[in-house]
Amino acid sequence: MSFESFQAVYGRWRAMLPAQVGKLFAGCGFPWWIGGGWAVEAAGGRQRAHEDTDVVVLRRDLAEVRRQLGDYHLWQARDGFIKPLARADAIGEEISQLWLRRNASSPWELDLLLTPTDGDDWLYRRENSVRRPVGSIGFLGVDGLPYLRPEIVLLFKAKLHRGKDQADFDALLPQLSAEAREFLAASLHTTLPEHPWLVQLRR
């Protein structure tokens, strides 16, 4: 289903800008990072249109996150479908994505991504052997907001490998440090060993 078709069924998006995300999470007691296309842009990649806004939080902080977002309606998103989440509902381990809006007549504003951890390590949810210390998965943008590191954003984009993902990779590749290239290459070798980006990363 295309983005336009999805909006026709489930409602339109009017995604928050990074500055609005910063205000939403101001003073919270848990770490968070802006991901997706905004993180690409903040890392020195290309400027482009943004259909939505992704924010990454640790699954272990979910109770605090839900309190922080108490003014919003949360919906579980999985396999192309969404389902409303009542305040008393538990969120199963299989759910890694929540959509937020004010009420049924309001547009969607935020795509919340839940990421697993093991102790002090962040885990790639599609393959838990890919990990890094939680304190190393983000960076501060020039606007002072926390963003997900580009090599991690690209790891998620690699599986989808849409046209915009390839364009983001091409824009970010010259910006990646040797360490970032090594991490992305090793992670792709483990998860997607035939991925075409490996050839460019190894040059």
N, C-alpha and C. Protein backbone atom coordinates (compact mmCIF):
# COMPACT_ATOMS: atom_id res chain seq x y z
N MET A 1 0.84 -1.19 0.00
CA MET A 1 0.00 0.00 0.00
C MET A 1 0.88 1.25 0.00
N SER A 2 0.62 2.16 -0.91
CA SER A 2 1.39 3.40 -0.99
C SER A 2 1.07 4.29 0.21
N PHE A 3 1.94 5.28 0.44
CA PHE A 3 1.73 6.21 1.54
C PHE A 3 0.41 6.96 1.35
N GLU A 4 0.11 7.35 0.13
CA GLU A 4 -1.13 8.07 -0.15
C GLU A 4 -2.35 7.18 0.11
N SER A 5 -2.27 5.92 -0.30
CA SER A 5 -3.38 4.99 -0.08
C SER A 5 -3.58 4.73 1.41
N PHE A 6 -2.46 4.62 2.13
CA PHE A 6 -2.54 4.38 3.57
C PHE A 6 -3.25 5.53 4.26
N GLN A 7 -2.90 6.76 3.89
CA GLN A 7 -3.55 7.93 4.49
C GLN A 7 -5.04 7.96 4.17
N ALA A 8 -5.41 7.52 2.97
CA ALA A 8 -6.82 7.52 2.58
C ALA A 8 -7.63 6.58 3.46
N VAL A 9 -7.00 5.51 3.97
CA VAL A 9 -7.69 4.53 4.81
C VAL A 9 -7.61 4.91 6.28
N TYR A 10 -6.41 5.27 6.76
CA TYR A 10 -6.18 5.44 8.19
C TYR A 10 -6.09 6.90 8.66
N GLY A 11 -6.07 7.83 7.74
CA GLY A 11 -5.97 9.23 8.13
C GLY A 11 -4.66 9.86 7.69
N ARG A 12 -4.67 11.18 7.61
CA ARG A 12 -3.52 11.90 7.07
C ARG A 12 -2.42 12.06 8.12
N TRP A 13 -1.22 12.35 7.62
CA TRP A 13 -0.07 12.67 8.47
C TRP A 13 0.18 14.17 8.45
N ARG A 14 0.52 14.71 9.60
CA ARG A 14 1.10 16.05 9.70
C ARG A 14 2.21 15.92 10.74
N ALA A 15 3.33 15.42 10.26
CA ALA A 15 4.40 15.02 11.16
C ALA A 15 5.03 16.21 11.88
N MET A 16 5.42 15.96 13.13
CA MET A 16 6.13 16.98 13.91
C MET A 16 7.46 17.30 13.27
N LEU A 17 7.88 18.54 13.39
CA LEU A 17 9.23 18.93 13.05
C LEU A 17 10.15 18.58 14.23
N PRO A 18 11.45 18.43 13.99
CA PRO A 18 12.35 18.11 15.10
C PRO A 18 12.22 19.04 16.30
N ALA A 19 12.06 20.33 16.08
CA ALA A 19 11.93 21.26 17.20
C ALA A 19 10.69 20.94 18.03
N GLN A 20 9.61 20.53 17.39
CA GLN A 20 8.39 20.16 18.11
C GLN A 20 8.60 18.88 18.91
N VAL A 21 9.36 17.95 18.34
CA VAL A 21 9.70 16.73 19.06
C VAL A 21 10.50 17.07 20.32
N GLY A 22 11.44 18.00 20.18
CA GLY A 22 12.24 18.42 21.32
C GLY A 22 11.37 18.97 22.44
N LYS A 23 10.36 19.74 22.10
CA LYS A 23 9.45 20.29 23.12
C LYS A 23 8.62 19.18 23.76
N LEU A 24 8.20 18.21 22.95
CA LEU A 24 7.38 17.11 23.46
C LEU A 24 8.13 16.30 24.51
N PHE A 25 9.41 16.09 24.29
CA PHE A 25 10.19 15.24 25.19
C PHE A 25 11.05 16.06 26.17
N ALA A 26 10.88 17.35 26.19
CA ALA A 26 11.67 18.19 27.10
C ALA A 26 11.43 17.77 28.55
N GLY A 27 12.53 17.57 29.28
CA GLY A 27 12.44 17.24 30.70
C GLY A 27 12.11 15.80 31.01
N CYS A 28 12.02 14.95 29.98
CA CYS A 28 11.71 13.55 30.25
C CYS A 28 12.92 12.87 30.89
N GLY A 29 12.68 11.76 31.56
CA GLY A 29 13.76 11.09 32.27
C GLY A 29 14.34 9.90 31.55
N PHE A 30 14.17 9.84 30.24
CA PHE A 30 14.67 8.69 29.46
C PHE A 30 15.32 9.19 28.17
N PRO A 31 16.24 8.42 27.61
CA PRO A 31 16.87 8.84 26.35
C PRO A 31 15.94 8.63 25.16
N TRP A 32 16.12 9.44 24.15
CA TRP A 32 15.35 9.32 22.91
C TRP A 32 16.19 9.90 21.78
N TRP A 33 15.89 9.48 20.56
CA TRP A 33 16.64 9.93 19.40
C TRP A 33 15.70 10.07 18.22
N ILE A 34 15.87 11.11 17.43
CA ILE A 34 15.15 11.26 16.17
C ILE A 34 15.86 10.41 15.12
N GLY A 35 15.09 9.61 14.40
CA GLY A 35 15.68 8.73 13.40
C GLY A 35 15.21 9.06 11.99
N GLY A 36 15.30 8.08 11.11
CA GLY A 36 14.79 8.22 9.75
C GLY A 36 15.43 9.33 8.95
N GLY A 37 14.63 9.93 8.08
CA GLY A 37 15.14 10.95 7.17
C GLY A 37 15.67 12.19 7.86
N TRP A 38 15.06 12.54 9.01
CA TRP A 38 15.57 13.71 9.73
C TRP A 38 16.97 13.47 10.26
N ALA A 39 17.27 12.23 10.67
CA ALA A 39 18.62 11.90 11.14
C ALA A 39 19.62 11.93 9.98
N VAL A 40 19.17 11.49 8.82
CA VAL A 40 20.02 11.56 7.62
C VAL A 40 20.40 13.01 7.34
N GLU A 41 19.41 13.88 7.39
CA GLU A 41 19.63 15.30 7.11
C GLU A 41 20.56 15.92 8.16
N ALA A 42 20.33 15.58 9.44
CA ALA A 42 21.14 16.14 10.52
C ALA A 42 22.59 15.68 10.46
N ALA A 43 22.83 14.51 9.87
CA ALA A 43 24.18 13.97 9.78
C ALA A 43 24.94 14.50 8.57
N GLY A 44 24.32 15.38 7.82
CA GLY A 44 25.00 15.96 6.67
C GLY A 44 24.59 15.36 5.35
N GLY A 45 23.52 14.53 5.38
CA GLY A 45 23.01 13.97 4.14
C GLY A 45 22.15 14.98 3.40
N ARG A 46 21.38 14.50 2.46
CA ARG A 46 20.59 15.38 1.61
C ARG A 46 19.35 15.89 2.33
N GLN A 47 18.88 17.05 1.91
CA GLN A 47 17.59 17.57 2.36
C GLN A 47 16.51 17.02 1.44
N ARG A 48 15.42 16.59 2.03
CA ARG A 48 14.33 16.04 1.24
C ARG A 48 13.03 16.16 2.01
N ALA A 49 11.92 15.83 1.34
CA ALA A 49 10.62 15.83 2.01
C ALA A 49 10.55 14.70 3.03
N HIS A 50 9.77 14.91 4.09
CA HIS A 50 9.64 13.91 5.15
C HIS A 50 8.16 13.55 5.30
N GLU A 51 7.84 12.30 5.01
CA GLU A 51 6.45 11.85 5.11
C GLU A 51 6.02 11.73 6.58
N ASP A 52 6.96 11.29 7.43
CA ASP A 52 6.66 11.13 8.85
C ASP A 52 7.89 11.50 9.66
N THR A 53 7.79 11.38 10.97
CA THR A 53 8.92 11.64 11.85
C THR A 53 9.07 10.47 12.80
N ASP A 54 10.25 9.85 12.78
CA ASP A 54 10.53 8.70 13.63
C ASP A 54 11.26 9.15 14.89
N VAL A 55 10.83 8.62 16.04
CA VAL A 55 11.55 8.82 17.29
C VAL A 55 11.81 7.45 17.91
N VAL A 56 13.06 7.20 18.26
CA VAL A 56 13.48 5.92 18.83
C VAL A 56 13.59 6.05 20.34
N VAL A 57 12.99 5.08 21.06
CA VAL A 57 13.12 5.00 22.51
C VAL A 57 13.45 3.56 22.88
N LEU A 58 13.97 3.37 24.08
CA LEU A 58 14.29 2.03 24.56
C LEU A 58 13.02 1.35 25.06
N ARG A 59 12.82 0.11 24.66
CA ARG A 59 11.62 -0.61 25.10
C ARG A 59 11.53 -0.66 26.62
N ARG A 60 12.67 -0.75 27.31
CA ARG A 60 12.65 -0.85 28.77
C ARG A 60 12.09 0.42 29.43
N ASP A 61 12.07 1.53 28.68
CA ASP A 61 11.56 2.80 29.21
C ASP A 61 10.10 3.03 28.84
N LEU A 62 9.43 2.01 28.34
CA LEU A 62 8.10 2.20 27.76
C LEU A 62 7.09 2.79 28.74
N ALA A 63 7.12 2.37 30.01
CA ALA A 63 6.16 2.91 30.99
C ALA A 63 6.34 4.42 31.14
N GLU A 64 7.59 4.88 31.22
CA GLU A 64 7.86 6.32 31.33
C GLU A 64 7.46 7.05 30.04
N VAL A 65 7.72 6.41 28.91
CA VAL A 65 7.37 7.02 27.62
C VAL A 65 5.86 7.22 27.54
N ARG A 66 5.10 6.23 27.95
CA ARG A 66 3.64 6.34 27.88
C ARG A 66 3.12 7.44 28.80
N ARG A 67 3.75 7.61 29.96
CA ARG A 67 3.34 8.70 30.85
C ARG A 67 3.65 10.06 30.21
N GLN A 68 4.81 10.15 29.56
CA GLN A 68 5.20 11.40 28.92
C GLN A 68 4.23 11.77 27.79
N LEU A 69 3.67 10.75 27.15
CA LEU A 69 2.79 10.96 26.00
C LEU A 69 1.33 10.79 26.37
N GLY A 70 1.00 11.06 27.61
CA GLY A 70 -0.34 10.82 28.11
C GLY A 70 -1.44 11.59 27.40
N ASP A 71 -1.11 12.68 26.73
CA ASP A 71 -2.12 13.48 26.02
C ASP A 71 -2.42 12.94 24.62
N TYR A 72 -1.73 11.87 24.24
CA TYR A 72 -1.87 11.33 22.88
C TYR A 72 -2.58 9.99 22.88
N HIS A 73 -3.23 9.70 21.75
CA HIS A 73 -3.74 8.36 21.49
C HIS A 73 -2.62 7.57 20.83
N LEU A 74 -2.34 6.37 21.35
CA LEU A 74 -1.30 5.52 20.79
C LEU A 74 -1.94 4.36 20.04
N TRP A 75 -1.38 4.05 18.89
CA TRP A 75 -1.84 2.92 18.09
C TRP A 75 -0.66 2.00 17.80
N GLN A 76 -0.90 0.70 17.91
CA GLN A 76 0.12 -0.27 17.56
C GLN A 76 0.15 -0.44 16.04
N ALA A 77 1.35 -0.43 15.48
CA ALA A 77 1.51 -0.62 14.03
C ALA A 77 2.33 -1.88 13.78
N ARG A 78 1.79 -2.75 12.93
CA ARG A 78 2.50 -4.00 12.62
C ARG A 78 2.01 -4.56 11.30
N ASP A 79 2.95 -4.94 10.45
CA ASP A 79 2.65 -5.61 9.19
C ASP A 79 1.64 -4.84 8.34
N GLY A 80 1.75 -3.49 8.36
CA GLY A 80 0.90 -2.69 7.51
C GLY A 80 -0.48 -2.40 8.09
N PHE A 81 -0.73 -2.81 9.33
CA PHE A 81 -2.01 -2.56 9.97
C PHE A 81 -1.78 -1.83 11.28
N ILE A 82 -2.80 -1.08 11.73
CA ILE A 82 -2.70 -0.38 13.00
C ILE A 82 -3.90 -0.72 13.87
N LYS A 83 -3.69 -0.65 15.19
CA LYS A 83 -4.72 -1.03 16.15
C LYS A 83 -4.64 -0.09 17.34
N PRO A 84 -5.77 0.45 17.82
CA PRO A 84 -5.73 1.37 18.95
C PRO A 84 -5.23 0.69 20.21
N LEU A 85 -4.53 1.46 21.03
CA LEU A 85 -3.95 0.95 22.26
C LEU A 85 -4.59 1.70 23.43
N ALA A 86 -5.37 0.99 24.23
CA ALA A 86 -5.99 1.60 25.41
C ALA A 86 -4.91 1.83 26.47
N ARG A 87 -5.17 2.75 27.39
CA ARG A 87 -4.17 3.09 28.41
C ARG A 87 -3.77 1.89 29.24
N ALA A 88 -4.71 0.98 29.49
CA ALA A 88 -4.42 -0.18 30.34
C ALA A 88 -3.83 -1.36 29.57
N ASP A 89 -3.78 -1.26 28.24
CA ASP A 89 -3.29 -2.38 27.42
C ASP A 89 -1.79 -2.56 27.55
N ALA A 90 -1.38 -3.82 27.65
CA ALA A 90 0.05 -4.14 27.58
C ALA A 90 0.46 -4.14 26.11
N ILE A 91 1.75 -3.95 25.87
CA ILE A 91 2.28 -3.97 24.51
C ILE A 91 3.16 -5.20 24.36
N GLY A 92 2.78 -6.10 23.48
CA GLY A 92 3.50 -7.35 23.29
C GLY A 92 4.90 -7.12 22.75
N GLU A 93 5.78 -8.08 23.00
CA GLU A 93 7.16 -7.99 22.52
C GLU A 93 7.25 -7.93 21.01
N GLU A 94 6.21 -8.43 20.33
CA GLU A 94 6.23 -8.42 18.87
C GLU A 94 5.96 -7.03 18.29
N ILE A 95 5.49 -6.10 19.12
CA ILE A 95 5.18 -4.74 18.67
C ILE A 95 6.42 -3.87 18.86
N SER A 96 6.86 -3.25 17.79
CA SER A 96 8.05 -2.39 17.87
C SER A 96 7.77 -0.98 17.36
N GLN A 97 6.50 -0.70 17.03
CA GLN A 97 6.18 0.59 16.42
C GLN A 97 4.83 1.08 16.93
N LEU A 98 4.78 2.34 17.35
CA LEU A 98 3.55 2.98 17.80
C LEU A 98 3.35 4.28 17.03
N TRP A 99 2.10 4.53 16.62
CA TRP A 99 1.77 5.80 15.98
C TRP A 99 1.01 6.66 16.97
N LEU A 100 1.23 7.97 16.89
CA LEU A 100 0.62 8.90 17.83
C LEU A 100 -0.22 9.95 17.11
N ARG A 101 -1.37 10.25 17.69
CA ARG A 101 -2.17 11.39 17.27
C ARG A 101 -3.00 11.86 18.47
N ARG A 102 -3.51 13.07 18.40
CA ARG A 102 -4.25 13.64 19.53
C ARG A 102 -5.58 12.94 19.77
N ASN A 103 -6.30 12.68 18.69
CA ASN A 103 -7.61 12.02 18.78
C ASN A 103 -7.97 11.50 17.40
N ALA A 104 -9.15 10.90 17.29
CA ALA A 104 -9.55 10.24 16.04
C ALA A 104 -9.66 11.18 14.85
N SER A 105 -9.93 12.45 15.11
CA SER A 105 -10.08 13.40 14.00
C SER A 105 -8.79 14.18 13.71
N SER A 106 -7.73 13.89 14.45
CA SER A 106 -6.46 14.60 14.29
C SER A 106 -5.51 13.82 13.38
N PRO A 107 -4.57 14.51 12.75
CA PRO A 107 -3.59 13.80 11.91
C PRO A 107 -2.57 13.06 12.77
N TRP A 108 -1.93 12.08 12.18
CA TRP A 108 -0.82 11.39 12.83
C TRP A 108 0.36 12.36 12.93
N GLU A 109 1.06 12.31 14.07
CA GLU A 109 2.14 13.27 14.29
C GLU A 109 3.51 12.62 14.49
N LEU A 110 3.54 11.37 14.96
CA LEU A 110 4.82 10.78 15.33
C LEU A 110 4.78 9.27 15.16
N ASP A 111 5.90 8.72 14.73
CA ASP A 111 6.10 7.27 14.61
C ASP A 111 7.13 6.89 15.67
N LEU A 112 6.69 6.20 16.72
CA LEU A 112 7.55 5.86 17.84
C LEU A 112 8.09 4.44 17.66
N LEU A 113 9.41 4.30 17.66
CA LEU A 113 10.04 3.01 17.43
C LEU A 113 10.66 2.51 18.73
N LEU A 114 10.28 1.30 19.14
CA LEU A 114 10.77 0.70 20.38
C LEU A 114 11.96 -0.19 20.08
N THR A 115 13.07 0.06 20.74
CA THR A 115 14.28 -0.72 20.46
C THR A 115 14.68 -1.53 21.69
N PRO A 116 15.06 -2.80 21.49
CA PRO A 116 15.43 -3.64 22.63
C PRO A 116 16.84 -3.34 23.13
N THR A 117 17.09 -3.75 24.36
CA THR A 117 18.41 -3.58 24.97
C THR A 117 18.78 -4.85 25.73
N ASP A 118 20.06 -4.95 26.04
CA ASP A 118 20.57 -6.02 26.89
C ASP A 118 21.59 -5.36 27.81
N GLY A 119 21.19 -5.11 29.06
CA GLY A 119 22.08 -4.37 29.95
C GLY A 119 22.30 -2.97 29.41
N ASP A 120 23.56 -2.61 29.18
CA ASP A 120 23.89 -1.29 28.66
C ASP A 120 24.03 -1.27 27.14
N ASP A 121 23.64 -2.35 26.48
CA ASP A 121 23.77 -2.45 25.03
C ASP A 121 22.44 -2.25 24.31
N TRP A 122 22.49 -1.47 23.23
CA TRP A 122 21.39 -1.40 22.27
C TRP A 122 21.48 -2.63 21.38
N LEU A 123 20.32 -3.21 21.03
CA LEU A 123 20.28 -4.38 20.15
C LEU A 123 19.52 -4.03 18.87
N TYR A 124 20.04 -4.47 17.75
CA TYR A 124 19.32 -4.35 16.49
C TYR A 124 18.17 -5.35 16.55
N ARG A 125 16.95 -4.88 16.46
CA ARG A 125 15.81 -5.75 16.74
C ARG A 125 15.65 -6.88 15.72
N ARG A 126 16.21 -6.73 14.53
CA ARG A 126 16.09 -7.79 13.53
C ARG A 126 17.16 -8.87 13.68
N GLU A 127 18.20 -8.57 14.46
CA GLU A 127 19.27 -9.54 14.70
C GLU A 127 20.02 -9.08 15.95
N ASN A 128 19.72 -9.71 17.09
CA ASN A 128 20.23 -9.23 18.37
C ASN A 128 21.72 -9.40 18.56
N SER A 129 22.39 -10.13 17.68
CA SER A 129 23.84 -10.22 17.80
C SER A 129 24.52 -8.92 17.35
N VAL A 130 23.79 -8.09 16.62
CA VAL A 130 24.28 -6.76 16.24
C VAL A 130 23.94 -5.82 17.39
N ARG A 131 24.97 -5.28 18.03
CA ARG A 131 24.74 -4.46 19.23
C ARG A 131 25.80 -3.39 19.37
N ARG A 132 25.47 -2.39 20.16
CA ARG A 132 26.40 -1.32 20.51
C ARG A 132 26.01 -0.76 21.87
N PRO A 133 26.94 -0.15 22.58
CA PRO A 133 26.56 0.51 23.82
C PRO A 133 25.49 1.57 23.55
N VAL A 134 24.47 1.63 24.42
CA VAL A 134 23.38 2.59 24.25
C VAL A 134 23.93 4.01 24.10
N GLY A 135 24.97 4.32 24.86
CA GLY A 135 25.51 5.68 24.82
C GLY A 135 26.19 6.05 23.52
N SER A 136 26.34 5.08 22.60
CA SER A 136 27.06 5.36 21.35
C SER A 136 26.15 5.37 20.12
N ILE A 137 24.84 5.26 20.31
CA ILE A 137 23.97 5.13 19.13
C ILE A 137 23.44 6.47 18.62
N GLY A 138 23.74 7.56 19.32
CA GLY A 138 23.22 8.84 18.89
C GLY A 138 24.26 9.93 18.82
N PHE A 139 23.85 11.09 18.32
CA PHE A 139 24.71 12.27 18.28
C PHE A 139 23.81 13.49 18.41
N LEU A 140 24.40 14.60 18.84
CA LEU A 140 23.65 15.85 18.95
C LEU A 140 23.76 16.62 17.64
N GLY A 141 22.62 17.01 17.09
CA GLY A 141 22.63 17.81 15.88
C GLY A 141 22.98 19.25 16.19
N VAL A 142 23.15 20.04 15.16
CA VAL A 142 23.47 21.45 15.37
C VAL A 142 22.34 22.19 16.07
N ASP A 143 21.14 21.61 16.06
CA ASP A 143 20.00 22.20 16.75
C ASP A 143 19.94 21.78 18.22
N GLY A 144 20.93 20.97 18.67
CA GLY A 144 20.98 20.53 20.05
C GLY A 144 20.10 19.34 20.37
N LEU A 145 19.46 18.75 19.36
CA LEU A 145 18.57 17.61 19.56
C LEU A 145 19.31 16.30 19.30
N PRO A 146 18.90 15.22 19.96
CA PRO A 146 19.56 13.92 19.77
C PRO A 146 19.02 13.20 18.53
N TYR A 147 19.94 12.72 17.72
CA TYR A 147 19.60 11.97 16.51
C TYR A 147 20.27 10.61 16.53
N LEU A 148 19.67 9.64 15.86
CA LEU A 148 20.26 8.32 15.71
C LEU A 148 21.44 8.41 14.74
N ARG A 149 22.51 7.72 15.06
CA ARG A 149 23.71 7.79 14.22
C ARG A 149 23.39 7.28 12.80
N PRO A 150 24.03 7.87 11.80
CA PRO A 150 23.68 7.53 10.41
C PRO A 150 23.91 6.08 10.04
N GLU A 151 24.95 5.44 10.59
CA GLU A 151 25.19 4.04 10.24
C GLU A 151 24.07 3.14 10.76
N ILE A 152 23.43 3.53 11.87
CA ILE A 152 22.32 2.74 12.39
C ILE A 152 21.06 3.01 11.58
N VAL A 153 20.83 4.26 11.22
CA VAL A 153 19.70 4.59 10.35
C VAL A 153 19.81 3.81 9.03
N LEU A 154 20.99 3.77 8.46
CA LEU A 154 21.18 3.06 7.19
C LEU A 154 21.00 1.56 7.34
N LEU A 155 21.36 1.01 8.48
CA LEU A 155 21.14 -0.42 8.71
C LEU A 155 19.66 -0.75 8.62
N PHE A 156 18.81 0.08 9.20
CA PHE A 156 17.37 -0.15 9.11
C PHE A 156 16.88 0.06 7.67
N LYS A 157 17.43 1.05 6.99
CA LYS A 157 17.00 1.34 5.63
C LYS A 157 17.44 0.25 4.64
N ALA A 158 18.50 -0.45 4.97
CA ALA A 158 19.06 -1.44 4.04
C ALA A 158 18.05 -2.53 3.70
N LYS A 159 17.28 -2.97 4.67
CA LYS A 159 16.33 -4.05 4.42
C LYS A 159 15.24 -3.62 3.44
N LEU A 160 14.77 -2.38 3.55
CA LEU A 160 13.73 -1.88 2.65
C LEU A 160 14.29 -1.58 1.27
N HIS A 161 15.44 -0.90 1.26
CA HIS A 161 16.17 -0.58 0.03
C HIS A 161 15.27 0.01 -1.05
N ARG A 162 14.49 1.02 -0.65
CA ARG A 162 13.67 1.77 -1.60
C ARG A 162 14.53 2.81 -2.29
N GLY A 163 13.97 3.48 -3.27
CA GLY A 163 14.73 4.51 -3.97
C GLY A 163 15.25 5.58 -3.03
N LYS A 164 14.41 6.02 -2.09
CA LYS A 164 14.85 7.07 -1.17
C LYS A 164 15.94 6.55 -0.22
N ASP A 165 15.92 5.25 0.08
CA ASP A 165 16.96 4.69 0.95
C ASP A 165 18.31 4.66 0.24
N GLN A 166 18.29 4.31 -1.04
CA GLN A 166 19.52 4.34 -1.81
C GLN A 166 20.07 5.76 -1.91
N ALA A 167 19.17 6.72 -2.12
CA ALA A 167 19.61 8.11 -2.21
C ALA A 167 20.19 8.59 -0.88
N ASP A 168 19.59 8.16 0.23
CA ASP A 168 20.13 8.52 1.54
C ASP A 168 21.51 7.88 1.75
N PHE A 169 21.67 6.65 1.35
CA PHE A 169 22.98 5.98 1.47
C PHE A 169 24.02 6.72 0.65
N ASP A 170 23.70 7.05 -0.59
CA ASP A 170 24.65 7.75 -1.46
C ASP A 170 25.06 9.09 -0.87
N ALA A 171 24.11 9.78 -0.23
CA ALA A 171 24.41 11.09 0.35
C ALA A 171 25.26 10.97 1.61
N LEU A 172 25.03 9.91 2.38
CA LEU A 172 25.72 9.76 3.66
C LEU A 172 27.07 9.07 3.57
N LEU A 173 27.25 8.25 2.56
CA LEU A 173 28.48 7.46 2.48
C LEU A 173 29.75 8.30 2.63
N PRO A 174 29.87 9.45 1.95
CA PRO A 174 31.09 10.25 2.13
C PRO A 174 31.25 10.82 3.54
N GLN A 175 30.14 10.87 4.30
CA GLN A 175 30.18 11.45 5.65
C GLN A 175 30.56 10.42 6.72
N LEU A 176 30.50 9.14 6.38
CA LEU A 176 30.71 8.09 7.37
C LEU A 176 32.18 7.96 7.74
N SER A 177 32.45 7.89 9.03
CA SER A 177 33.82 7.64 9.50
C SER A 177 34.20 6.20 9.20
N ALA A 178 35.48 5.89 9.32
CA ALA A 178 35.95 4.52 9.11
C ALA A 178 35.26 3.57 10.08
N GLU A 179 35.07 4.00 11.32
CA GLU A 179 34.41 3.17 12.32
C GLU A 179 32.95 2.92 11.94
N ALA A 180 32.28 3.96 11.45
CA ALA A 180 30.87 3.83 11.06
C ALA A 180 30.74 2.89 9.86
N ARG A 181 31.64 3.02 8.90
CA ARG A 181 31.63 2.12 7.74
C ARG A 181 31.83 0.67 8.17
N GLU A 182 32.77 0.48 9.09
CA GLU A 182 33.07 -0.87 9.55
C GLU A 182 31.86 -1.48 10.25
N PHE A 183 31.20 -0.68 11.11
CA PHE A 183 30.01 -1.18 11.79
C PHE A 183 28.93 -1.56 10.80
N LEU A 184 28.63 -0.68 9.85
CA LEU A 184 27.57 -0.94 8.89
C LEU A 184 27.90 -2.14 8.02
N ALA A 185 29.14 -2.24 7.58
CA ALA A 185 29.54 -3.37 6.74
C ALA A 185 29.42 -4.68 7.51
N ALA A 186 29.90 -4.71 8.76
CA ALA A 186 29.84 -5.93 9.57
C ALA A 186 28.39 -6.31 9.85
N SER A 187 27.55 -5.31 10.10
CA SER A 187 26.14 -5.58 10.40
C SER A 187 25.42 -6.11 9.16
N LEU A 188 25.70 -5.54 8.01
CA LEU A 188 25.08 -6.03 6.78
C LEU A 188 25.58 -7.42 6.42
N HIS A 189 26.85 -7.66 6.67
CA HIS A 189 27.40 -9.00 6.39
C HIS A 189 26.67 -10.05 7.22
N THR A 190 26.28 -9.68 8.45
CA THR A 190 25.57 -10.61 9.33
C THR A 190 24.11 -10.76 8.93
N THR A 191 23.48 -9.67 8.56
CA THR A 191 22.02 -9.68 8.35
C THR A 191 21.59 -9.77 6.89
N LEU A 192 22.35 -9.14 6.00
CA LEU A 192 22.00 -9.11 4.57
C LEU A 192 23.27 -9.28 3.75
N PRO A 193 23.87 -10.47 3.79
CA PRO A 193 25.21 -10.65 3.21
C PRO A 193 25.33 -10.41 1.71
N GLU A 194 24.20 -10.36 1.00
CA GLU A 194 24.23 -10.12 -0.44
C GLU A 194 23.87 -8.67 -0.78
N HIS A 195 23.80 -7.82 0.22
CA HIS A 195 23.33 -6.46 -0.03
C HIS A 195 24.34 -5.68 -0.89
N PRO A 196 23.86 -4.96 -1.91
CA PRO A 196 24.78 -4.24 -2.81
C PRO A 196 25.58 -3.13 -2.13
N TRP A 197 25.14 -2.63 -0.99
CA TRP A 197 25.90 -1.58 -0.31
C TRP A 197 27.26 -2.08 0.19
N LEU A 198 27.37 -3.38 0.39
CA LEU A 198 28.64 -3.92 0.89
C LEU A 198 29.79 -3.63 -0.06
N VAL A 199 29.52 -3.66 -1.35
CA VAL A 199 30.57 -3.40 -2.33
C VAL A 199 31.10 -1.99 -2.16
N GLN A 200 30.21 -1.02 -2.00
CA GLN A 200 30.63 0.38 -1.83
C GLN A 200 31.31 0.62 -0.49
N LEU A 201 30.85 -0.05 0.55
CA LEU A 201 31.44 0.13 1.87
C LEU A 201 32.85 -0.42 1.95
N ARG A 202 33.18 -1.38 1.13
CA ARG A 202 34.49 -2.04 1.19
C ARG A 202 35.52 -1.37 0.29
N ARG A 203 35.11 -0.36 -0.46
CA ARG A 203 36.05 0.33 -1.34
C ARG A 203 37.04 1.17 -0.54
